[in-house]
Structures are given as structure tokens and as C-alpha cells.
Amino acid sequence: MENKKAHAVADQKERKHRIITMLNRQEVDFLDTLEKDAFFTSGFRLTYNDILRTLVDLAMEQGLSAEKVNSLKKLKAKMLNVMRQELKAESGPDPGINNSS
């Protein structure tokens, strides 16, 4: 019985849900540019879905929350902070800072 329950929970986590969003022309053009840049520079095909899912995954992995967010401006600031943290983690320690202390 426990095995069936664990399997059902795993199935729910893997199930995909359709999300419909409304984007303006500039936002759609930006997604198009990301798709084309990836394809023409590396041959890798990105879809809108891949891009949006990756943004959500990044935010989840970095622990983004909407606590104390009362405007889109504050949400954007929190998201930028998450992206900066991710870039800093990828690039490693700043070579201009003495880490030997």
C-alpha cells in the first residue's frame, strides 16, 4: 500500500500542467530572440516552454519567495537578486578579493 502511495505522489510531481499567459509583443520578441540565439550559435533548440520552465526552476532552486512583495517592482528586484546570486555562484570567488584571511 505504501509503495502505491509513494508512486502516486511521484506521478503527481512529474505531471505537467498547462499554464496560459499573456505577453506583449516586446516580451514575445525577446523569447524569440533567446530561441534564435541558442539555435544559431549552438544548434540547441529552445522553446518558450523551456525558457519559462528554466526561469521557474532557477527561482525555486534559489529559494525565491514573494514574502513582503507588494508590487511587481519589488518582485522584479527579488528576481534580479536571485539571478545575481546564481551568476556569482557560477563565476566563483571574485579574483580581486583576497580570500586568504
PDB file of N, CA and C in Angstrom:
ATOM      1  N   MET A   1       0.829  -1.199   0.000  1.00  0.00           N
ATOM      2  CA  MET A   1       0.000   0.000   0.000  1.00  0.00           C
ATOM      3  C   MET A   1       0.872   1.261   0.000  1.00  0.00           C
ATOM      4  N   GLU A   2       1.894   1.295   0.872  1.00  0.00           N
ATOM      5  CA  GLU A   2       2.798   2.445   0.938  1.00  0.00           C
ATOM      6  C   GLU A   2       3.474   2.687  -0.397  1.00  0.00           C
ATOM      7  N   ASN A   3       3.862   1.612  -1.085  1.00  0.00           N
ATOM      8  CA  ASN A   3       4.542   1.726  -2.367  1.00  0.00           C
ATOM      9  C   ASN A   3       3.625   2.387  -3.398  1.00  0.00           C
ATOM     10  N   LYS A   4       2.352   2.027  -3.400  1.00  0.00           N
ATOM     11  CA  LYS A   4       1.392   2.639  -4.319  1.00  0.00           C
ATOM     12  C   LYS A   4       1.231   4.121  -4.025  1.00  0.00           C
ATOM     13  N   LYS A   5       1.196   4.471  -2.731  1.00  0.00           N
ATOM     14  CA  LYS A   5       1.045   5.860  -2.331  1.00  0.00           C
ATOM     15  C   LYS A   5       2.271   6.674  -2.769  1.00  0.00           C
ATOM     16  N   ALA A   6       3.458   6.140  -2.571  1.00  0.00           N
ATOM     17  CA  ALA A   6       4.694   6.821  -2.974  1.00  0.00           C
ATOM     18  C   ALA A   6       4.729   6.989  -4.483  1.00  0.00           C
ATOM     19  N   HIS A   7       4.275   5.981  -5.213  1.00  0.00           N
ATOM     20  CA  HIS A   7       4.254   6.047  -6.671  1.00  0.00           C
ATOM     21  C   HIS A   7       3.265   7.118  -7.143  1.00  0.00           C
ATOM     22  N   ALA A   8       2.120   7.215  -6.481  1.00  0.00           N
ATOM     23  CA  ALA A   8       1.120   8.220  -6.851  1.00  0.00           C
ATOM     24  C   ALA A   8       1.657   9.627  -6.609  1.00  0.00           C
ATOM     25  N   VAL A   9       2.382   9.832  -5.507  1.00  0.00           N
ATOM     26  CA  VAL A   9       2.963  11.146  -5.214  1.00  0.00           C
ATOM     27  C   VAL A   9       4.004  11.492  -6.265  1.00  0.00           C
ATOM     28  N   ALA A  10       4.849  10.525  -6.647  1.00  0.00           N
ATOM     29  CA  ALA A  10       5.869  10.763  -7.680  1.00  0.00           C
ATOM     30  C   ALA A  10       5.209  11.113  -9.010  1.00  0.00           C
ATOM     31  N   ASP A  11       4.112  10.435  -9.356  1.00  0.00           N
ATOM     32  CA  ASP A  11       3.391  10.735 -10.600  1.00  0.00           C
ATOM     33  C   ASP A  11       2.860  12.165 -10.599  1.00  0.00           C
ATOM     34  N   GLN A  12       2.347  12.630  -9.457  1.00  0.00           N
ATOM     35  CA  GLN A  12       1.818  13.985  -9.372  1.00  0.00           C
ATOM     36  C   GLN A  12       2.916  15.019  -9.564  1.00  0.00           C
ATOM     37  N   LYS A  13       4.121  14.748  -9.057  1.00  0.00           N
ATOM     38  CA  LYS A  13       5.227  15.687  -9.208  1.00  0.00           C
ATOM     39  C   LYS A  13       5.667  15.778 -10.658  1.00  0.00           C
ATOM     40  N   GLU A  14       5.568  14.690 -11.418  1.00  0.00           N
ATOM     41  CA  GLU A  14       6.016  14.668 -12.803  1.00  0.00           C
ATOM     42  C   GLU A  14       4.953  15.139 -13.787  1.00  0.00           C
ATOM     43  N   ARG A  15       3.712  15.168 -13.375  1.00  0.00           N
ATOM     44  CA  ARG A  15       2.635  15.574 -14.262  1.00  0.00           C
ATOM     45  C   ARG A  15       2.800  17.035 -14.644  1.00  0.00           C
ATOM     46  N   LYS A  16       2.681  17.323 -15.910  1.00  0.00           N
ATOM     47  CA  LYS A  16       2.813  18.690 -16.410  1.00  0.00           C
ATOM     48  C   LYS A  16       1.437  19.356 -16.421  1.00  0.00           C
ATOM     49  N   HIS A  17       1.431  20.649 -16.158  1.00  0.00           N
ATOM     50  CA  HIS A  17       0.193  21.419 -16.163  1.00  0.00           C
ATOM     51  C   HIS A  17       0.317  22.545 -17.175  1.00  0.00           C
ATOM     52  N   ARG A  18      -0.730  22.764 -17.906  1.00  0.00           N
ATOM     53  CA  ARG A  18      -0.740  23.830 -18.906  1.00  0.00           C
ATOM     54  C   ARG A  18      -1.007  25.159 -18.211  1.00  0.00           C
ATOM     55  N   ILE A  19      -0.122  26.111 -18.484  1.00  0.00           N
ATOM     56  CA  ILE A  19      -0.278  27.470 -17.976  1.00  0.00           C
ATOM     57  C   ILE A  19      -0.386  28.391 -19.193  1.00  0.00           C
ATOM     58  N   ILE A  20      -1.409  29.198 -19.221  1.00  0.00           N
ATOM     59  CA  ILE A  20      -1.584  30.140 -20.326  1.00  0.00           C
ATOM     60  C   ILE A  20      -1.241  31.524 -19.798  1.00  0.00           C
ATOM     61  N   THR A  21      -0.399  32.223 -20.527  1.00  0.00           N
ATOM     62  CA  THR A  21      -0.001  33.560 -20.110  1.00  0.00           C
ATOM     63  C   THR A  21      -0.151  34.534 -21.262  1.00  0.00           C
ATOM     64  N   MET A  22      -0.315  35.758 -20.928  1.00  0.00           N
ATOM     65  CA  MET A  22      -0.444  36.802 -21.930  1.00  0.00           C
ATOM     66  C   MET A  22       0.830  37.640 -21.905  1.00  0.00           C
ATOM     67  N   LEU A  23       1.500  37.731 -23.030  1.00  0.00           N
ATOM     68  CA  LEU A  23       2.713  38.530 -23.155  1.00  0.00           C
ATOM     69  C   LEU A  23       2.497  39.597 -24.212  1.00  0.00           C
ATOM     70  N   ASN A  24       3.166  40.731 -24.026  1.00  0.00           N
ATOM     71  CA  ASN A  24       3.064  41.754 -25.061  1.00  0.00           C
ATOM     72  C   ASN A  24       4.054  41.421 -26.180  1.00  0.00           C
ATOM     73  N   ARG A  25       3.999  42.190 -27.236  1.00  0.00           N
ATOM     74  CA  ARG A  25       4.832  41.913 -28.416  1.00  0.00           C
ATOM     75  C   ARG A  25       6.330  41.937 -28.083  1.00  0.00           C
ATOM     76  N   GLN A  26       6.738  42.889 -27.264  1.00  0.00           N
ATOM     77  CA  GLN A  26       8.148  43.006 -26.888  1.00  0.00           C
ATOM     78  C   GLN A  26       8.618  41.772 -26.109  1.00  0.00           C
ATOM     79  N   GLU A  27       7.784  41.262 -25.232  1.00  0.00           N
ATOM     80  CA  GLU A  27       8.134  40.073 -24.447  1.00  0.00           C
ATOM     81  C   GLU A  27       8.242  38.833 -25.337  1.00  0.00           C
ATOM     82  N   VAL A  28       7.318  38.704 -26.273  1.00  0.00           N
ATOM     83  CA  VAL A  28       7.364  37.574 -27.213  1.00  0.00           C
ATOM     84  C   VAL A  28       8.604  37.675 -28.099  1.00  0.00           C
ATOM     85  N   ASP A  29       8.903  38.884 -28.558  1.00  0.00           N
ATOM     86  CA  ASP A  29      10.106  39.086 -29.380  1.00  0.00           C
ATOM     87  C   ASP A  29      11.363  38.701 -28.611  1.00  0.00           C
ATOM     88  N   PHE A  30      11.401  39.007 -27.320  1.00  0.00           N
ATOM     89  CA  PHE A  30      12.553  38.648 -26.505  1.00  0.00           C
ATOM     90  C   PHE A  30      12.707  37.123 -26.432  1.00  0.00           C
ATOM     91  N   LEU A  31      11.603  36.424 -26.206  1.00  0.00           N
ATOM     92  CA  LEU A  31      11.665  34.955 -26.177  1.00  0.00           C
ATOM     93  C   LEU A  31      12.118  34.411 -27.531  1.00  0.00           C
ATOM     94  N   ASP A  32      11.618  34.999 -28.605  1.00  0.00           N
ATOM     95  CA  ASP A  32      12.051  34.601 -29.955  1.00  0.00           C
ATOM     96  C   ASP A  32      13.556  34.789 -30.118  1.00  0.00           C
ATOM     97  N   THR A  33      14.068  35.908 -29.623  1.00  0.00           N
ATOM     98  CA  THR A  33      15.499  36.190 -29.725  1.00  0.00           C
ATOM     99  C   THR A  33      16.313  35.148 -28.959  1.00  0.00           C
ATOM    100  N   LEU A  34      15.854  34.796 -27.758  1.00  0.00           N
ATOM    101  CA  LEU A  34      16.556  33.763 -26.993  1.00  0.00           C
ATOM    102  C   LEU A  34      16.584  32.440 -27.760  1.00  0.00           C
ATOM    103  N   GLU A  35      15.436  32.079 -28.330  1.00  0.00           N
ATOM    104  CA  GLU A  35      15.355  30.845 -29.117  1.00  0.00           C
ATOM    105  C   GLU A  35      16.345  30.868 -30.271  1.00  0.00           C
ATOM    106  N   LYS A  36      16.313  31.943 -31.026  1.00  0.00           N
ATOM    107  CA  LYS A  36      17.167  32.042 -32.214  1.00  0.00           C
ATOM    108  C   LYS A  36      18.643  32.099 -31.849  1.00  0.00           C
ATOM    109  N   ASP A  37      18.985  32.855 -30.802  1.00  0.00           N
ATOM    110  CA  ASP A  37      20.383  32.927 -30.368  1.00  0.00           C
ATOM    111  C   ASP A  37      20.926  31.547 -30.026  1.00  0.00           C
ATOM    112  N   ALA A  38      20.154  30.789 -29.276  1.00  0.00           N
ATOM    113  CA  ALA A  38      20.600  29.440 -28.896  1.00  0.00           C
ATOM    114  C   ALA A  38      20.764  28.565 -30.134  1.00  0.00           C
ATOM    115  N   PHE A  39      19.796  28.616 -31.019  1.00  0.00           N
ATOM    116  CA  PHE A  39      19.845  27.747 -32.191  1.00  0.00           C
ATOM    117  C   PHE A  39      20.991  28.118 -33.138  1.00  0.00           C
ATOM    118  N   PHE A  40      21.124  29.388 -33.439  1.00  0.00           N
ATOM    119  CA  PHE A  40      22.127  29.793 -34.427  1.00  0.00           C
ATOM    120  C   PHE A  40      23.549  29.779 -33.881  1.00  0.00           C
ATOM    121  N   THR A  41      23.719  29.859 -32.570  1.00  0.00           N
ATOM    122  CA  THR A  41      25.073  29.837 -32.016  1.00  0.00           C
ATOM    123  C   THR A  41      25.516  28.461 -31.550  1.00  0.00           C
ATOM    124  N   SER A  42      24.552  27.566 -31.274  1.00  0.00           N
ATOM    125  CA  SER A  42      24.948  26.250 -30.765  1.00  0.00           C
ATOM    126  C   SER A  42      24.184  25.087 -31.379  1.00  0.00           C
ATOM    127  N   GLY A  43      23.121  25.392 -32.125  1.00  0.00           N
ATOM    128  CA  GLY A  43      22.310  24.324 -32.689  1.00  0.00           C
ATOM    129  C   GLY A  43      21.295  23.760 -31.707  1.00  0.00           C
ATOM    130  N   PHE A  44      21.269  24.306 -30.498  1.00  0.00           N
ATOM    131  CA  PHE A  44      20.351  23.822 -29.465  1.00  0.00           C
ATOM    132  C   PHE A  44      19.000  24.498 -29.625  1.00  0.00           C
ATOM    133  N   ARG A  45      17.949  23.694 -29.654  1.00  0.00           N
ATOM    134  CA  ARG A  45      16.597  24.235 -29.822  1.00  0.00           C
ATOM    135  C   ARG A  45      15.954  24.491 -28.454  1.00  0.00           C
ATOM    136  N   LEU A  46      15.635  25.742 -28.220  1.00  0.00           N
ATOM    137  CA  LEU A  46      14.898  26.148 -27.026  1.00  0.00           C
ATOM    138  C   LEU A  46      13.470  26.461 -27.439  1.00  0.00           C
ATOM    139  N   THR A  47      12.549  26.181 -26.565  1.00  0.00           N
ATOM    140  CA  THR A  47      11.153  26.570 -26.791  1.00  0.00           C
ATOM    141  C   THR A  47      10.772  27.606 -25.734  1.00  0.00           C
ATOM    142  N   TYR A  48       9.669  28.293 -25.955  1.00  0.00           N
ATOM    143  CA  TYR A  48       9.164  29.212 -24.931  1.00  0.00           C
ATOM    144  C   TYR A  48       9.026  28.456 -23.613  1.00  0.00           C
ATOM    145  N   ASN A  49       8.490  27.263 -23.712  1.00  0.00           N
ATOM    146  CA  ASN A  49       8.273  26.446 -22.536  1.00  0.00           C
ATOM    147  C   ASN A  49       9.585  26.168 -21.807  1.00  0.00           C
ATOM    148  N   ASP A  50      10.641  25.813 -22.550  1.00  0.00           N
ATOM    149  CA  ASP A  50      11.951  25.554 -21.938  1.00  0.00           C
ATOM    150  C   ASP A  50      12.453  26.786 -21.186  1.00  0.00           C
ATOM    151  N   ILE A  51      12.328  27.943 -21.810  1.00  0.00           N
ATOM    152  CA  ILE A  51      12.833  29.183 -21.218  1.00  0.00           C
ATOM    153  C   ILE A  51      12.067  29.517 -19.941  1.00  0.00           C
ATOM    154  N   LEU A  52      10.749  29.484 -20.010  1.00  0.00           N
ATOM    155  CA  LEU A  52       9.942  29.825 -18.844  1.00  0.00           C
ATOM    156  C   LEU A  52      10.114  28.813 -17.721  1.00  0.00           C
ATOM    157  N   ARG A  53      10.171  27.528 -18.067  1.00  0.00           N
ATOM    158  CA  ARG A  53      10.362  26.488 -17.048  1.00  0.00           C
ATOM    159  C   ARG A  53      11.722  26.642 -16.369  1.00  0.00           C
ATOM    160  N   THR A  54      12.757  26.995 -17.142  1.00  0.00           N
ATOM    161  CA  THR A  54      14.088  27.189 -16.574  1.00  0.00           C
ATOM    162  C   THR A  54      14.102  28.376 -15.616  1.00  0.00           C
ATOM    163  N   LEU A  55      13.399  29.446 -15.965  1.00  0.00           N
ATOM    164  CA  LEU A  55      13.306  30.591 -15.054  1.00  0.00           C
ATOM    165  C   LEU A  55      12.624  30.215 -13.745  1.00  0.00           C
ATOM    166  N   VAL A  56      11.556  29.427 -13.836  1.00  0.00           N
ATOM    167  CA  VAL A  56      10.855  28.980 -12.632  1.00  0.00           C
ATOM    168  C   VAL A  56      11.764  28.066 -11.815  1.00  0.00           C
ATOM    169  N   ASP A  57      12.447  27.133 -12.474  1.00  0.00           N
ATOM    170  CA  ASP A  57      13.354  26.228 -11.762  1.00  0.00           C
ATOM    171  C   ASP A  57      14.458  26.997 -11.051  1.00  0.00           C
ATOM    172  N   LEU A  58      15.035  27.981 -11.720  1.00  0.00           N
ATOM    173  CA  LEU A  58      16.078  28.808 -11.122  1.00  0.00           C
ATOM    174  C   LEU A  58      15.557  29.494  -9.865  1.00  0.00           C
ATOM    175  N   ALA A  59      14.395  30.089  -9.967  1.00  0.00           N
ATOM    176  CA  ALA A  59      13.807  30.788  -8.816  1.00  0.00           C
ATOM    177  C   ALA A  59      13.548  29.823  -7.668  1.00  0.00           C
ATOM    178  N   MET A  60      13.047  28.630  -7.975  1.00  0.00           N
ATOM    179  CA  MET A  60      12.789  27.636  -6.936  1.00  0.00           C
ATOM    180  C   MET A  60      14.084  27.176  -6.285  1.00  0.00           C
ATOM    181  N   GLU A  61      15.090  26.874  -7.103  1.00  0.00           N
ATOM    182  CA  GLU A  61      16.374  26.401  -6.579  1.00  0.00           C
ATOM    183  C   GLU A  61      17.030  27.444  -5.685  1.00  0.00           C
ATOM    184  N   GLN A  62      16.842  28.712  -6.001  1.00  0.00           N
ATOM    185  CA  GLN A  62      17.452  29.788  -5.220  1.00  0.00           C
ATOM    186  C   GLN A  62      16.580  30.230  -4.046  1.00  0.00           C
ATOM    187  N   GLY A  63      15.422  29.611  -3.910  1.00  0.00           N
ATOM    188  CA  GLY A  63      14.563  29.903  -2.771  1.00  0.00           C
ATOM    189  C   GLY A  63      13.824  31.228  -2.863  1.00  0.00           C
ATOM    190  N   LEU A  64      13.535  31.672  -4.078  1.00  0.00           N
ATOM    191  CA  LEU A  64      12.791  32.919  -4.240  1.00  0.00           C
ATOM    192  C   LEU A  64      11.439  32.807  -3.554  1.00  0.00           C
ATOM    193  N   SER A  65      11.108  33.824  -2.789  1.00  0.00           N
ATOM    194  CA  SER A  65       9.777  33.858  -2.182  1.00  0.00           C
ATOM    195  C   SER A  65       9.147  35.213  -2.501  1.00  0.00           C
ATOM    196  N   ALA A  66       7.868  35.285  -2.306  1.00  0.00           N
ATOM    197  CA  ALA A  66       7.161  36.535  -2.550  1.00  0.00           C
ATOM    198  C   ALA A  66       6.780  37.205  -1.235  1.00  0.00           C
ATOM    199  N   GLU A  67       7.472  36.812  -0.155  1.00  0.00           N
ATOM    200  CA  GLU A  67       7.206  37.448   1.130  1.00  0.00           C
ATOM    201  C   GLU A  67       7.515  38.933   1.037  1.00  0.00           C
ATOM    202  N   LYS A  68       6.635  39.742   1.562  1.00  0.00           N
ATOM    203  CA  LYS A  68       6.763  41.195   1.597  1.00  0.00           C
ATOM    204  C   LYS A  68       6.792  41.834   0.204  1.00  0.00           C
ATOM    205  N   VAL A  69       6.332  41.103  -0.797  1.00  0.00           N
ATOM    206  CA  VAL A  69       6.229  41.665  -2.143  1.00  0.00           C
ATOM    207  C   VAL A  69       4.842  42.275  -2.275  1.00  0.00           C
ATOM    208  N   ASN A  70       4.813  43.577  -2.509  1.00  0.00           N
ATOM    209  CA  ASN A  70       3.520  44.252  -2.656  1.00  0.00           C
ATOM    210  C   ASN A  70       3.424  45.015  -3.972  1.00  0.00           C
ATOM    211  N   SER A  71       4.388  44.721  -4.880  1.00  0.00           N
ATOM    212  CA  SER A  71       4.338  45.342  -6.197  1.00  0.00           C
ATOM    213  C   SER A  71       5.175  44.501  -7.164  1.00  0.00           C
ATOM    214  N   LEU A  72       4.928  44.683  -8.436  1.00  0.00           N
ATOM    215  CA  LEU A  72       5.734  43.984  -9.439  1.00  0.00           C
ATOM    216  C   LEU A  72       7.173  44.472  -9.404  1.00  0.00           C
ATOM    217  N   LYS A  73       7.366  45.737  -9.032  1.00  0.00           N
ATOM    218  CA  LYS A  73       8.719  46.289  -8.920  1.00  0.00           C
ATOM    219  C   LYS A  73       9.526  45.541  -7.851  1.00  0.00           C
ATOM    220  N   LYS A  74       8.904  45.248  -6.703  1.00  0.00           N
ATOM    221  CA  LYS A  74       9.599  44.508  -5.647  1.00  0.00           C
ATOM    222  C   LYS A  74       9.862  43.066  -6.073  1.00  0.00           C
ATOM    223  N   LEU A  75       8.918  42.463  -6.776  1.00  0.00           N
ATOM    224  CA  LEU A  75       9.122  41.103  -7.270  1.00  0.00           C
ATOM    225  C   LEU A  75      10.300  41.069  -8.237  1.00  0.00           C
ATOM    226  N   LYS A  76      10.352  42.044  -9.129  1.00  0.00           N
ATOM    227  CA  LYS A  76      11.454  42.118 -10.090  1.00  0.00           C
ATOM    228  C   LYS A  76      12.795  42.278  -9.364  1.00  0.00           C
ATOM    229  N   ALA A  77      12.824  43.121  -8.335  1.00  0.00           N
ATOM    230  CA  ALA A  77      14.058  43.319  -7.562  1.00  0.00           C
ATOM    231  C   ALA A  77      14.501  42.015  -6.904  1.00  0.00           C
ATOM    232  N   LYS A  78      13.557  41.271  -6.341  1.00  0.00           N
ATOM    233  CA  LYS A  78      13.898  39.985  -5.728  1.00  0.00           C
ATOM    234  C   LYS A  78      14.410  39.003  -6.771  1.00  0.00           C
ATOM    235  N   MET A  79      13.797  38.988  -7.939  1.00  0.00           N
ATOM    236  CA  MET A  79      14.235  38.087  -9.010  1.00  0.00           C
ATOM    237  C   MET A  79      15.641  38.457  -9.491  1.00  0.00           C
ATOM    238  N   LEU A  80      15.912  39.754  -9.612  1.00  0.00           N
ATOM    239  CA  LEU A  80      17.251  40.191 -10.020  1.00  0.00           C
ATOM    240  C   LEU A  80      18.291  39.765  -8.992  1.00  0.00           C
ATOM    241  N   ASN A  81      17.940  39.850  -7.737  1.00  0.00           N
ATOM    242  CA  ASN A  81      18.849  39.424  -6.679  1.00  0.00           C
ATOM    243  C   ASN A  81      19.154  37.928  -6.798  1.00  0.00           C
ATOM    244  N   VAL A  82      18.143  37.134  -7.086  1.00  0.00           N
ATOM    245  CA  VAL A  82      18.322  35.700  -7.272  1.00  0.00           C
ATOM    246  C   VAL A  82      19.257  35.439  -8.456  1.00  0.00           C
ATOM    247  N   MET A  83      19.057  36.157  -9.546  1.00  0.00           N
ATOM    248  CA  MET A  83      19.897  35.965 -10.729  1.00  0.00           C
ATOM    249  C   MET A  83      21.345  36.365 -10.433  1.00  0.00           C
ATOM    250  N   ARG A  84      21.523  37.446  -9.693  1.00  0.00           N
ATOM    251  CA  ARG A  84      22.887  37.870  -9.328  1.00  0.00           C
ATOM    252  C   ARG A  84      23.571  36.810  -8.485  1.00  0.00           C
ATOM    253  N   GLN A  85      22.835  36.239  -7.530  1.00  0.00           N
ATOM    254  CA  GLN A  85      23.397  35.183  -6.684  1.00  0.00           C
ATOM    255  C   GLN A  85      23.809  33.985  -7.528  1.00  0.00           C
ATOM    256  N   GLU A  86      22.977  33.624  -8.483  1.00  0.00           N
ATOM    257  CA  GLU A  86      23.269  32.477  -9.356  1.00  0.00           C
ATOM    258  C   GLU A  86      24.507  32.762 -10.197  1.00  0.00           C
ATOM    259  N   LEU A  87      24.603  33.956 -10.755  1.00  0.00           N
ATOM    260  CA  LEU A  87      25.775  34.309 -11.570  1.00  0.00           C
ATOM    261  C   LEU A  87      27.042  34.328 -10.727  1.00  0.00           C
ATOM    262  N   LYS A  88      26.938  34.838  -9.524  1.00  0.00           N
ATOM    263  CA  LYS A  88      28.092  34.880  -8.623  1.00  0.00           C
ATOM    264  C   LYS A  88      28.537  33.459  -8.289  1.00  0.00           C
ATOM    265  N   ALA A  89      27.599  32.564  -8.037  1.00  0.00           N
ATOM    266  CA  ALA A  89      27.928  31.173  -7.715  1.00  0.00           C
ATOM    267  C   ALA A  89      28.596  30.484  -8.906  1.00  0.00           C
ATOM    268  N   GLU A  90      28.128  30.774 -10.121  1.00  0.00           N
ATOM    269  CA  GLU A  90      28.706  30.162 -11.319  1.00  0.00           C
ATOM    270  C   GLU A  90      30.111  30.664 -11.596  1.00  0.00           C
ATOM    271  N   SER A  91      30.364  31.945 -11.340  1.00  0.00           N
ATOM    272  CA  SER A  91      31.658  32.521 -11.677  1.00  0.00           C
ATOM    273  C   SER A  91      32.706  32.266 -10.609  1.00  0.00           C
ATOM    274  N   GLY A  92      32.312  31.816  -9.437  1.00  0.00           N
ATOM    275  CA  GLY A  92      33.268  31.540  -8.379  1.00  0.00           C
ATOM    276  C   GLY A  92      33.653  32.795  -7.637  1.00  0.00           C
ATOM    277  N   PRO A  93      34.654  32.681  -6.780  1.00  0.00           N
ATOM    278  CA  PRO A  93      35.064  33.838  -5.994  1.00  0.00           C
ATOM    279  C   PRO A  93      35.634  34.956  -6.852  1.00  0.00           C
ATOM    280  N   ASP A  94      35.448  36.171  -6.410  1.00  0.00           N
ATOM    281  CA  ASP A  94      35.963  37.345  -7.125  1.00  0.00           C
ATOM    282  C   ASP A  94      37.474  37.357  -7.010  1.00  0.00           C
ATOM    283  N   PRO A  95      38.195  37.328  -8.152  1.00  0.00           N
ATOM    284  CA  PRO A  95      39.663  37.285  -8.093  1.00  0.00           C
ATOM    285  C   PRO A  95      40.256  38.548  -7.499  1.00  0.00           C
ATOM    286  N   GLY A  96      39.515  39.624  -7.428  1.00  0.00           N
ATOM    287  CA  GLY A  96      40.018  40.871  -6.864  1.00  0.00           C
ATOM    288  C   GLY A  96      39.920  40.924  -5.350  1.00  0.00           C
ATOM    289  N   ILE A  97      39.289  39.912  -4.741  1.00  0.00           N
ATOM    290  CA  ILE A  97      39.124  39.882  -3.297  1.00  0.00           C
ATOM    291  C   ILE A  97      40.086  38.861  -2.716  1.00  0.00           C
ATOM    292  N   ASN A  98      40.791  39.253  -1.691  1.00  0.00           N
ATOM    293  CA  ASN A  98      41.738  38.364  -1.019  1.00  0.00           C
ATOM    294  C   ASN A  98      40.961  37.438  -0.089  1.00  0.00           C
ATOM    295  N   ASN A  99      40.882  36.156  -0.428  1.00  0.00           N
ATOM    296  CA  ASN A  99      40.123  35.178   0.360  1.00  0.00           C
ATOM    297  C   ASN A  99      41.006  34.397   1.316  1.00  0.00           C
ATOM    298  N   SER A 100      42.223  34.843   1.577  1.00  0.00           N
ATOM    299  CA  SER A 100      43.146  34.066   2.388  1.00  0.00           C
ATOM    300  C   SER A 100      43.047  34.377   3.878  1.00  0.00           C
ATOM    301  N   SER A 101      42.120  35.235   4.292  1.00  0.00           N
ATOM    302  CA  SER A 101      42.042  35.575   5.713  1.00  0.00           C
ATOM    303  C   SER A 101      41.333  34.553   6.527  1.00  0.00           C
TER     304      SER A 101
END
